[in-house]
Amino acid sequence: MGSDDREIRIVQGEEVVSEVTETDHVVALSPLRLALYGYGLSNGTVGVYDRTKRVWRLKSKNQVSAIRGFDLDADDVPELIAGWSSGKLEVRSDDTGDVIYKDAFPSAIAALVQADYRMDRREEVIAISVDGEVRGYLPAQPELAAGAGAAGPSADDAALSELLQ
């Protein structure tokens, strides 16, 4: 759990197992996988922890308004999706923080939710902006993700990754 006193506390039952002190108020937490979780601070910092060890973090000039863990590239590993006060939406690798995908809304992101919106038995991430715009993001097709991973990254993948950076 996160708190206004700049602490992230890991609780088991009613007992605090460990604490991590951060640089500002904790405004968002989201589970990723196993003991990994994403966090957002009121000063625009987002990142990932593995229990009490920081895996990565980055600071933006904008405030993070929502985060969610979701496997968008269908590799069986959830990515950290962050929505920002600027309207920016970013999907980042959970282990490196590299940008996998970006999108932009004309106004701030109000929430990120996960649901079977189309009722077709496929979960998707839904981003909602403060002015009411709604966009859904379906995960990649598993065969596309598996095919890309088996052959390794292509030159096109490397060029796209560089452009996204």
N, C-alpha and C. Protein backbone atom coordinates (compact mmCIF):
# COMPACT_ATOMS: atom_id res chain seq x y z
N MET A 1 0.84 -1.18 0.00
CA MET A 1 0.00 0.00 0.00
C MET A 1 0.88 1.24 0.00
N GLY A 2 0.38 2.30 -0.59
CA GLY A 2 1.10 3.56 -0.62
C GLY A 2 0.47 4.54 0.34
N SER A 3 1.22 5.56 0.71
CA SER A 3 0.68 6.49 1.69
C SER A 3 1.17 7.91 1.42
N ASP A 4 0.51 8.86 2.09
CA ASP A 4 0.89 10.27 1.99
C ASP A 4 2.20 10.56 2.70
N ASP A 5 2.66 9.65 3.57
CA ASP A 5 3.92 9.89 4.27
C ASP A 5 5.13 9.37 3.48
N ARG A 6 4.94 9.18 2.17
CA ARG A 6 6.01 8.81 1.23
C ARG A 6 6.52 7.39 1.42
N GLU A 7 5.70 6.54 2.00
CA GLU A 7 6.08 5.15 2.24
C GLU A 7 5.26 4.22 1.37
N ILE A 8 5.93 3.19 0.87
CA ILE A 8 5.25 2.05 0.26
C ILE A 8 5.45 0.91 1.25
N ARG A 9 4.34 0.40 1.75
CA ARG A 9 4.41 -0.67 2.74
C ARG A 9 3.91 -1.98 2.15
N ILE A 10 4.67 -3.03 2.38
CA ILE A 10 4.26 -4.37 1.98
C ILE A 10 3.68 -5.03 3.21
N VAL A 11 2.42 -5.43 3.11
CA VAL A 11 1.69 -5.96 4.25
C VAL A 11 1.31 -7.41 3.97
N GLN A 12 1.48 -8.24 4.99
CA GLN A 12 1.03 -9.63 4.91
C GLN A 12 0.09 -9.85 6.09
N GLY A 13 -1.17 -10.10 5.81
CA GLY A 13 -2.15 -10.15 6.87
C GLY A 13 -2.31 -8.76 7.45
N GLU A 14 -2.06 -8.62 8.74
CA GLU A 14 -2.13 -7.31 9.38
C GLU A 14 -0.75 -6.79 9.75
N GLU A 15 0.29 -7.50 9.32
CA GLU A 15 1.65 -7.14 9.70
C GLU A 15 2.39 -6.47 8.53
N VAL A 16 3.10 -5.37 8.82
CA VAL A 16 3.94 -4.71 7.83
C VAL A 16 5.22 -5.53 7.71
N VAL A 17 5.45 -6.09 6.51
CA VAL A 17 6.62 -6.93 6.28
C VAL A 17 7.84 -6.09 5.93
N SER A 18 7.64 -5.05 5.12
CA SER A 18 8.74 -4.15 4.77
C SER A 18 8.19 -2.81 4.33
N GLU A 19 9.09 -1.82 4.31
CA GLU A 19 8.73 -0.47 3.90
C GLU A 19 9.80 0.08 2.97
N VAL A 20 9.36 0.90 2.03
CA VAL A 20 10.26 1.60 1.13
C VAL A 20 9.89 3.08 1.22
N THR A 21 10.87 3.93 1.46
CA THR A 21 10.63 5.37 1.51
C THR A 21 10.89 5.96 0.13
N GLU A 22 9.94 6.73 -0.36
CA GLU A 22 10.07 7.37 -1.67
C GLU A 22 10.27 8.87 -1.51
N THR A 23 10.42 9.56 -2.63
CA THR A 23 10.75 10.99 -2.63
C THR A 23 9.53 11.89 -2.55
N ASP A 24 8.32 11.34 -2.74
CA ASP A 24 7.11 12.15 -2.68
C ASP A 24 5.92 11.24 -2.35
N HIS A 25 4.75 11.83 -2.31
CA HIS A 25 3.54 11.08 -1.95
C HIS A 25 3.24 10.01 -3.00
N VAL A 26 2.88 8.83 -2.54
CA VAL A 26 2.52 7.72 -3.42
C VAL A 26 1.07 7.92 -3.85
N VAL A 27 0.85 8.04 -5.18
CA VAL A 27 -0.50 8.28 -5.68
C VAL A 27 -1.07 7.09 -6.44
N ALA A 28 -0.22 6.12 -6.82
CA ALA A 28 -0.71 4.98 -7.58
C ALA A 28 0.20 3.78 -7.38
N LEU A 29 -0.42 2.61 -7.27
CA LEU A 29 0.28 1.33 -7.21
C LEU A 29 -0.48 0.35 -8.08
N SER A 30 0.25 -0.56 -8.72
CA SER A 30 -0.40 -1.58 -9.53
C SER A 30 0.45 -2.84 -9.55
N PRO A 31 -0.16 -4.00 -9.30
CA PRO A 31 0.61 -5.24 -9.38
C PRO A 31 0.99 -5.55 -10.81
N LEU A 32 2.16 -6.16 -11.00
CA LEU A 32 2.60 -6.58 -12.32
C LEU A 32 2.66 -8.11 -12.38
N ARG A 33 3.66 -8.69 -11.76
CA ARG A 33 3.78 -10.15 -11.71
C ARG A 33 4.65 -10.52 -10.51
N LEU A 34 4.38 -11.68 -9.96
CA LEU A 34 5.09 -12.16 -8.78
C LEU A 34 5.19 -11.04 -7.75
N ALA A 35 6.41 -10.63 -7.39
CA ALA A 35 6.58 -9.58 -6.39
C ALA A 35 6.85 -8.22 -7.02
N LEU A 36 6.68 -8.09 -8.34
CA LEU A 36 6.88 -6.81 -9.03
C LEU A 36 5.62 -5.97 -8.96
N TYR A 37 5.80 -4.67 -8.74
CA TYR A 37 4.68 -3.75 -8.77
C TYR A 37 5.14 -2.40 -9.29
N GLY A 38 4.23 -1.72 -9.98
CA GLY A 38 4.49 -0.38 -10.47
C GLY A 38 3.99 0.65 -9.49
N TYR A 39 4.60 1.82 -9.51
CA TYR A 39 4.19 2.89 -8.60
C TYR A 39 4.25 4.23 -9.31
N GLY A 40 3.48 5.17 -8.80
CA GLY A 40 3.49 6.54 -9.29
C GLY A 40 3.50 7.49 -8.11
N LEU A 41 4.27 8.57 -8.24
CA LEU A 41 4.38 9.56 -7.17
C LEU A 41 3.79 10.89 -7.64
N SER A 42 3.43 11.74 -6.69
CA SER A 42 2.81 13.02 -7.03
C SER A 42 3.77 13.97 -7.75
N ASN A 43 5.08 13.71 -7.70
CA ASN A 43 6.04 14.58 -8.39
C ASN A 43 6.31 14.17 -9.84
N GLY A 44 5.56 13.18 -10.36
CA GLY A 44 5.73 12.77 -11.75
C GLY A 44 6.65 11.58 -11.95
N THR A 45 7.02 10.91 -10.88
CA THR A 45 7.88 9.74 -10.97
C THR A 45 7.03 8.48 -11.12
N VAL A 46 7.43 7.60 -12.03
CA VAL A 46 6.86 6.26 -12.13
C VAL A 46 8.01 5.27 -12.16
N GLY A 47 7.72 4.05 -11.77
CA GLY A 47 8.76 3.03 -11.79
C GLY A 47 8.23 1.68 -11.36
N VAL A 48 9.17 0.76 -11.18
CA VAL A 48 8.84 -0.61 -10.80
C VAL A 48 9.76 -1.05 -9.67
N TYR A 49 9.19 -1.72 -8.70
CA TYR A 49 9.92 -2.35 -7.61
C TYR A 49 9.75 -3.85 -7.69
N ASP A 50 10.80 -4.57 -7.27
CA ASP A 50 10.73 -6.00 -7.01
C ASP A 50 10.89 -6.13 -5.50
N ARG A 51 9.79 -6.32 -4.81
CA ARG A 51 9.72 -6.26 -3.34
C ARG A 51 10.21 -4.89 -2.87
N THR A 52 11.42 -4.80 -2.31
CA THR A 52 11.92 -3.50 -1.85
C THR A 52 13.08 -2.99 -2.71
N LYS A 53 13.40 -3.71 -3.78
CA LYS A 53 14.50 -3.30 -4.66
C LYS A 53 13.93 -2.59 -5.90
N ARG A 54 14.38 -1.37 -6.12
CA ARG A 54 13.92 -0.64 -7.29
C ARG A 54 14.51 -1.25 -8.55
N VAL A 55 13.66 -1.55 -9.53
CA VAL A 55 14.09 -2.09 -10.82
C VAL A 55 14.43 -0.94 -11.76
N TRP A 56 13.54 0.04 -11.86
CA TRP A 56 13.78 1.25 -12.64
C TRP A 56 12.79 2.33 -12.19
N ARG A 57 13.13 3.57 -12.56
CA ARG A 57 12.21 4.69 -12.35
C ARG A 57 12.55 5.79 -13.33
N LEU A 58 11.59 6.65 -13.58
CA LEU A 58 11.81 7.83 -14.40
C LEU A 58 10.93 8.94 -13.88
N LYS A 59 11.36 10.15 -14.15
CA LYS A 59 10.61 11.31 -13.68
C LYS A 59 10.19 12.15 -14.87
N SER A 60 8.95 12.58 -14.85
CA SER A 60 8.39 13.40 -15.92
C SER A 60 8.05 14.78 -15.34
N LYS A 61 7.95 15.76 -16.21
CA LYS A 61 7.52 17.07 -15.76
C LYS A 61 6.00 17.09 -15.52
N ASN A 62 5.29 16.07 -16.02
CA ASN A 62 3.85 15.95 -15.82
C ASN A 62 3.55 15.02 -14.65
N GLN A 63 2.33 15.11 -14.15
CA GLN A 63 1.93 14.22 -13.07
C GLN A 63 1.34 12.94 -13.64
N VAL A 64 1.65 11.84 -12.99
CA VAL A 64 1.04 10.57 -13.36
C VAL A 64 -0.38 10.56 -12.78
N SER A 65 -1.36 10.22 -13.61
CA SER A 65 -2.74 10.23 -13.14
C SER A 65 -3.32 8.82 -13.01
N ALA A 66 -2.69 7.83 -13.65
CA ALA A 66 -3.17 6.45 -13.55
C ALA A 66 -2.08 5.50 -14.02
N ILE A 67 -1.99 4.35 -13.36
CA ILE A 67 -1.10 3.28 -13.85
C ILE A 67 -1.84 1.96 -13.78
N ARG A 68 -1.39 1.02 -14.61
CA ARG A 68 -2.00 -0.30 -14.64
C ARG A 68 -1.00 -1.28 -15.22
N GLY A 69 -0.96 -2.47 -14.68
CA GLY A 69 -0.17 -3.55 -15.25
C GLY A 69 -1.06 -4.36 -16.18
N PHE A 70 -0.60 -4.57 -17.41
CA PHE A 70 -1.40 -5.32 -18.40
C PHE A 70 -0.46 -5.85 -19.48
N ASP A 71 -0.68 -7.09 -19.91
CA ASP A 71 0.14 -7.71 -20.95
C ASP A 71 -0.39 -7.29 -22.32
N LEU A 72 0.08 -6.17 -22.81
CA LEU A 72 -0.41 -5.64 -24.08
C LEU A 72 0.27 -6.27 -25.29
N ASP A 73 1.51 -6.75 -25.15
CA ASP A 73 2.21 -7.34 -26.29
C ASP A 73 2.11 -8.87 -26.33
N ALA A 74 1.28 -9.47 -25.48
CA ALA A 74 0.97 -10.91 -25.47
C ALA A 74 2.21 -11.79 -25.30
N ASP A 75 3.15 -11.34 -24.45
CA ASP A 75 4.33 -12.16 -24.18
C ASP A 75 4.26 -12.82 -22.79
N ASP A 76 3.07 -12.81 -22.19
CA ASP A 76 2.81 -13.38 -20.86
C ASP A 76 3.50 -12.61 -19.74
N VAL A 77 3.93 -11.39 -20.01
CA VAL A 77 4.55 -10.53 -18.98
C VAL A 77 3.84 -9.18 -19.05
N PRO A 78 3.22 -8.76 -17.94
CA PRO A 78 2.53 -7.47 -17.97
C PRO A 78 3.50 -6.29 -18.11
N GLU A 79 3.10 -5.31 -18.88
CA GLU A 79 3.85 -4.07 -19.00
C GLU A 79 3.22 -3.05 -18.05
N LEU A 80 3.95 -1.97 -17.76
CA LEU A 80 3.41 -0.90 -16.95
C LEU A 80 2.85 0.16 -17.88
N ILE A 81 1.56 0.41 -17.75
CA ILE A 81 0.89 1.43 -18.56
C ILE A 81 0.65 2.63 -17.67
N ALA A 82 1.08 3.79 -18.14
CA ALA A 82 0.94 5.02 -17.35
C ALA A 82 0.16 6.06 -18.14
N GLY A 83 -0.80 6.69 -17.47
CA GLY A 83 -1.55 7.81 -18.03
C GLY A 83 -1.09 9.07 -17.31
N TRP A 84 -0.97 10.16 -18.05
CA TRP A 84 -0.38 11.38 -17.51
C TRP A 84 -1.33 12.56 -17.58
N SER A 85 -1.05 13.58 -16.79
CA SER A 85 -1.85 14.81 -16.77
C SER A 85 -1.79 15.55 -18.11
N SER A 86 -0.77 15.27 -18.91
CA SER A 86 -0.63 15.91 -20.22
C SER A 86 -1.47 15.23 -21.30
N GLY A 87 -2.08 14.09 -20.97
CA GLY A 87 -2.83 13.32 -21.96
C GLY A 87 -2.00 12.21 -22.59
N LYS A 88 -0.74 12.13 -22.22
CA LYS A 88 0.15 11.10 -22.76
C LYS A 88 -0.19 9.75 -22.13
N LEU A 89 -0.14 8.71 -22.94
CA LEU A 89 -0.30 7.33 -22.49
C LEU A 89 0.96 6.58 -22.93
N GLU A 90 1.60 5.89 -21.98
CA GLU A 90 2.83 5.16 -22.29
C GLU A 90 2.73 3.73 -21.80
N VAL A 91 3.21 2.82 -22.62
CA VAL A 91 3.34 1.42 -22.23
C VAL A 91 4.84 1.15 -22.14
N ARG A 92 5.29 0.71 -20.95
CA ARG A 92 6.72 0.51 -20.71
C ARG A 92 7.01 -0.92 -20.27
N SER A 93 8.17 -1.41 -20.67
CA SER A 93 8.63 -2.72 -20.24
C SER A 93 8.76 -2.75 -18.73
N ASP A 94 8.32 -3.85 -18.10
CA ASP A 94 8.39 -3.92 -16.64
C ASP A 94 9.81 -4.09 -16.13
N ASP A 95 10.71 -4.63 -16.95
CA ASP A 95 12.07 -4.87 -16.45
C ASP A 95 13.09 -3.81 -16.84
N THR A 96 12.83 -3.01 -17.88
CA THR A 96 13.80 -1.99 -18.29
C THR A 96 13.23 -0.57 -18.28
N GLY A 97 11.92 -0.44 -18.36
CA GLY A 97 11.31 0.87 -18.44
C GLY A 97 11.28 1.43 -19.85
N ASP A 98 11.77 0.65 -20.83
CA ASP A 98 11.75 1.10 -22.23
C ASP A 98 10.32 1.29 -22.72
N VAL A 99 10.09 2.32 -23.52
CA VAL A 99 8.77 2.57 -24.09
C VAL A 99 8.49 1.55 -25.18
N ILE A 100 7.35 0.88 -25.06
CA ILE A 100 6.91 -0.09 -26.06
C ILE A 100 5.88 0.53 -26.99
N TYR A 101 5.05 1.41 -26.44
CA TYR A 101 3.99 2.05 -27.20
C TYR A 101 3.64 3.38 -26.56
N LYS A 102 3.26 4.36 -27.40
CA LYS A 102 2.81 5.67 -26.93
C LYS A 102 1.52 6.06 -27.63
N ASP A 103 0.73 6.85 -26.95
CA ASP A 103 -0.46 7.45 -27.55
C ASP A 103 -0.66 8.79 -26.84
N ALA A 104 -1.50 9.63 -27.41
CA ALA A 104 -1.74 10.94 -26.80
C ALA A 104 -3.22 11.29 -26.90
N PHE A 105 -3.75 11.78 -25.82
CA PHE A 105 -5.12 12.28 -25.75
C PHE A 105 -5.05 13.81 -25.70
N PRO A 106 -6.12 14.49 -26.11
CA PRO A 106 -6.10 15.95 -26.04
C PRO A 106 -6.23 16.51 -24.63
N SER A 107 -6.59 15.66 -23.67
CA SER A 107 -6.70 16.11 -22.28
C SER A 107 -6.14 15.02 -21.36
N ALA A 108 -6.04 15.33 -20.09
CA ALA A 108 -5.44 14.43 -19.10
C ALA A 108 -6.15 13.08 -19.06
N ILE A 109 -5.37 12.04 -18.77
CA ILE A 109 -5.94 10.71 -18.57
C ILE A 109 -6.55 10.68 -17.17
N ALA A 110 -7.82 10.28 -17.08
CA ALA A 110 -8.50 10.22 -15.79
C ALA A 110 -8.35 8.84 -15.15
N ALA A 111 -8.38 7.78 -15.98
CA ALA A 111 -8.32 6.42 -15.43
C ALA A 111 -7.90 5.43 -16.50
N LEU A 112 -7.33 4.33 -16.03
CA LEU A 112 -7.04 3.17 -16.87
C LEU A 112 -7.74 1.99 -16.22
N VAL A 113 -8.58 1.32 -16.98
CA VAL A 113 -9.30 0.17 -16.45
C VAL A 113 -9.09 -1.03 -17.37
N GLN A 114 -9.36 -2.19 -16.84
CA GLN A 114 -9.22 -3.43 -17.60
C GLN A 114 -10.58 -4.12 -17.58
N ALA A 115 -11.08 -4.46 -18.77
CA ALA A 115 -12.40 -5.09 -18.84
C ALA A 115 -12.60 -5.75 -20.18
N ASP A 116 -13.61 -6.60 -20.25
CA ASP A 116 -14.07 -7.19 -21.50
C ASP A 116 -15.17 -6.28 -22.02
N TYR A 117 -14.79 -5.12 -22.52
CA TYR A 117 -15.71 -4.06 -22.92
C TYR A 117 -16.63 -4.50 -24.05
N ARG A 118 -16.08 -5.26 -25.00
CA ARG A 118 -16.86 -5.70 -26.16
C ARG A 118 -17.63 -6.99 -25.91
N MET A 119 -17.45 -7.55 -24.72
CA MET A 119 -18.08 -8.82 -24.33
C MET A 119 -17.78 -9.94 -25.34
N ASP A 120 -16.50 -10.00 -25.77
CA ASP A 120 -16.05 -11.05 -26.68
C ASP A 120 -15.04 -11.97 -26.01
N ARG A 121 -15.01 -11.94 -24.67
CA ARG A 121 -14.13 -12.77 -23.84
C ARG A 121 -12.66 -12.42 -23.99
N ARG A 122 -12.38 -11.17 -24.38
CA ARG A 122 -10.99 -10.69 -24.45
C ARG A 122 -10.87 -9.43 -23.61
N GLU A 123 -10.00 -9.50 -22.60
CA GLU A 123 -9.74 -8.33 -21.76
C GLU A 123 -8.97 -7.30 -22.58
N GLU A 124 -9.23 -6.05 -22.31
CA GLU A 124 -8.49 -4.96 -22.93
C GLU A 124 -8.28 -3.86 -21.90
N VAL A 125 -7.33 -3.00 -22.18
CA VAL A 125 -7.12 -1.82 -21.34
C VAL A 125 -7.91 -0.69 -21.96
N ILE A 126 -8.61 0.02 -21.12
CA ILE A 126 -9.44 1.13 -21.57
C ILE A 126 -8.93 2.40 -20.89
N ALA A 127 -8.60 3.39 -21.69
CA ALA A 127 -8.13 4.67 -21.18
C ALA A 127 -9.25 5.69 -21.32
N ILE A 128 -9.48 6.44 -20.26
CA ILE A 128 -10.54 7.44 -20.23
C ILE A 128 -9.91 8.78 -19.90
N SER A 129 -10.21 9.79 -20.70
CA SER A 129 -9.66 11.13 -20.44
C SER A 129 -10.65 11.95 -19.62
N VAL A 130 -10.19 13.06 -19.07
CA VAL A 130 -11.05 13.90 -18.25
C VAL A 130 -12.17 14.54 -19.06
N ASP A 131 -12.00 14.66 -20.38
CA ASP A 131 -13.08 15.24 -21.18
C ASP A 131 -14.00 14.16 -21.75
N GLY A 132 -13.83 12.90 -21.32
CA GLY A 132 -14.78 11.84 -21.69
C GLY A 132 -14.36 10.96 -22.86
N GLU A 133 -13.22 11.22 -23.47
CA GLU A 133 -12.79 10.36 -24.57
C GLU A 133 -12.38 8.99 -24.02
N VAL A 134 -12.80 7.93 -24.73
CA VAL A 134 -12.52 6.56 -24.31
C VAL A 134 -11.83 5.84 -25.46
N ARG A 135 -10.70 5.17 -25.15
CA ARG A 135 -10.00 4.36 -26.16
C ARG A 135 -9.65 3.01 -25.54
N GLY A 136 -9.88 1.96 -26.31
CA GLY A 136 -9.55 0.62 -25.87
C GLY A 136 -8.31 0.11 -26.57
N TYR A 137 -7.52 -0.70 -25.86
CA TYR A 137 -6.28 -1.25 -26.39
C TYR A 137 -6.29 -2.76 -26.17
N LEU A 138 -6.49 -3.49 -27.27
CA LEU A 138 -6.48 -4.95 -27.20
C LEU A 138 -5.05 -5.47 -27.21
N PRO A 139 -4.80 -6.59 -26.53
CA PRO A 139 -3.46 -7.18 -26.59
C PRO A 139 -3.15 -7.66 -28.00
N ALA A 140 -1.86 -7.74 -28.31
CA ALA A 140 -1.43 -8.25 -29.61
C ALA A 140 -1.90 -9.70 -29.74
N GLN A 141 -2.03 -10.15 -30.97
CA GLN A 141 -2.37 -11.56 -31.20
C GLN A 141 -1.20 -12.43 -30.75
N PRO A 142 -1.44 -13.49 -29.98
CA PRO A 142 -0.34 -14.32 -29.45
C PRO A 142 0.60 -14.85 -30.52
N GLU A 143 0.07 -15.21 -31.68
CA GLU A 143 0.95 -15.74 -32.73
C GLU A 143 1.89 -14.68 -33.27
N LEU A 144 1.46 -13.42 -33.27
CA LEU A 144 2.34 -12.34 -33.71
C LEU A 144 3.46 -12.12 -32.70
N ALA A 145 3.10 -12.13 -31.42
CA ALA A 145 4.11 -11.94 -30.37
C ALA A 145 5.08 -13.10 -30.35
N ALA A 146 4.58 -14.33 -30.49
CA ALA A 146 5.44 -15.51 -30.46
C ALA A 146 6.36 -15.53 -31.68
N GLY A 147 5.85 -15.14 -32.83
CA GLY A 147 6.67 -15.12 -34.04
C GLY A 147 7.79 -14.12 -33.95
N ALA A 148 7.51 -12.96 -33.39
CA ALA A 148 8.54 -11.93 -33.27
C ALA A 148 9.62 -12.36 -32.29
N GLY A 149 9.22 -13.00 -31.19
CA GLY A 149 10.19 -13.40 -30.18
C GLY A 149 11.08 -14.54 -30.65
N ALA A 150 10.53 -15.46 -31.45
CA ALA A 150 11.30 -16.63 -31.89
C ALA A 150 12.42 -16.24 -32.83
N ALA A 151 12.17 -15.27 -33.68
CA ALA A 151 13.18 -14.88 -34.66
C ALA A 151 14.12 -13.82 -34.11
N GLY A 152 13.78 -13.26 -32.99
CA GLY A 152 14.59 -12.17 -32.44
C GLY A 152 14.14 -10.85 -33.01
N PRO A 153 14.62 -9.76 -32.47
CA PRO A 153 14.19 -8.46 -32.95
C PRO A 153 14.71 -8.19 -34.36
N SER A 154 13.85 -7.65 -35.20
CA SER A 154 14.26 -7.33 -36.57
C SER A 154 14.81 -5.91 -36.60
N ALA A 155 15.34 -5.55 -37.75
CA ALA A 155 15.86 -4.19 -37.94
C ALA A 155 14.71 -3.20 -37.82
N ASP A 156 13.52 -3.58 -38.32
CA ASP A 156 12.35 -2.70 -38.21
C ASP A 156 11.98 -2.49 -36.75
N ASP A 157 12.03 -3.56 -35.94
CA ASP A 157 11.73 -3.45 -34.51
C ASP A 157 12.71 -2.51 -33.83
N ALA A 158 13.99 -2.62 -34.17
CA ALA A 158 15.02 -1.77 -33.57
C ALA A 158 14.79 -0.31 -33.98
N ALA A 159 14.46 -0.08 -35.24
CA ALA A 159 14.23 1.28 -35.70
C ALA A 159 12.99 1.88 -35.04
N LEU A 160 11.93 1.06 -34.88
CA LEU A 160 10.72 1.54 -34.23
C LEU A 160 11.02 1.86 -32.76
N SER A 161 11.76 1.01 -32.10
CA SER A 161 12.11 1.25 -30.70
C SER A 161 12.91 2.54 -30.55
N GLU A 162 13.84 2.77 -31.48
CA GLU A 162 14.63 3.99 -31.44
C GLU A 162 13.77 5.22 -31.66
N LEU A 163 12.83 5.15 -32.59
CA LEU A 163 11.92 6.27 -32.84
C LEU A 163 11.06 6.57 -31.62
N LEU A 164 10.57 5.50 -30.96
CA LEU A 164 9.73 5.69 -29.78
C LEU A 164 10.50 6.34 -28.65
N GLN A 165 11.80 6.07 -28.55
CA GLN A 165 12.61 6.68 -27.50
C GLN A 165 12.71 8.16 -27.75
